[in-house]
Amino acid sequence: MSRPAAVFFDLDGTLVDTAPDFHAGVNRLRAARGESALPYAPIRAAVSAGSKAVMAVAYPELAEHIVEPLRQAFLDDYEAHIADHSFIFAGLVAILAQLESEGIAWGIVTNKPTRFTRPLLQALGLDTRASAVVCADEVTRTKPDPEPMLLACARAGVNARACIYVGDHARDIEAGRRSHMLTIAAGWGYLADGEQLSDWQADVDCATVADFAAWLNTQLS
């Protein structure tokens, strides 16, 4: 690919490390129920798959009809603590600034609902900088369907074939591929135990943000 028209990012586990707030929320819920705290690693590994996956880790022994009210309580609490501990992954602050200085649009395509996405981006100072943000509740079909990807391109005024998509889950890579974007597998994200970047068959595998920065520089030089 030559110089990209835009770079789009998945949110949780790719652009922003939200796992600390998911972990804190799970343990607040468990503490309120008189239960012991859970370790960080298994919660982190589940975050990219969403709140249902996180709650399945937190309460694997409970039936779905029992877990669902707990999940709603967890989400209400998470909304109130949306950015207590979340942060932009180290190195990506500089990459966003570089894209902006080069006049290259960047945006976010996430399966996270607007209810959580917009306050999080506002808290991190990203809400007014992104050329496009597409959330799960703004489309009829979420990733891995290409619909949200193409909506982001329309909002940013770019052709999908000239864009890059960066994500830390197999569905991100599938969505990017189906949208005809160049895909980057983000190895710094929330990979499950035993999962390999190469399994996703992205165009480029980047184990670290530094790897992505180095690759991006070759495209911009």
Foldseek 3Di string as FASTA:
>chain_A
DAAFQEEEEADDFTFKPQLVLLQVLLQVLQVVVVHDRDDRQVLQLQPQVHLVSSLCVSCVPDDPVVSVVSSVVSVVVCLVCLPVPMATPPPVVVVLVVCVVVVHAYEYAYQAAPSRVQVNCVVHVNNVRHQFYHYNVVDPDHFVALVSVVVRCVSNVHQLLRYEYEYADLRSQSNSVVSNHQYEHELSGNHDPPDDSVVSVGNYYDNHSVSVVVVSVVNVD
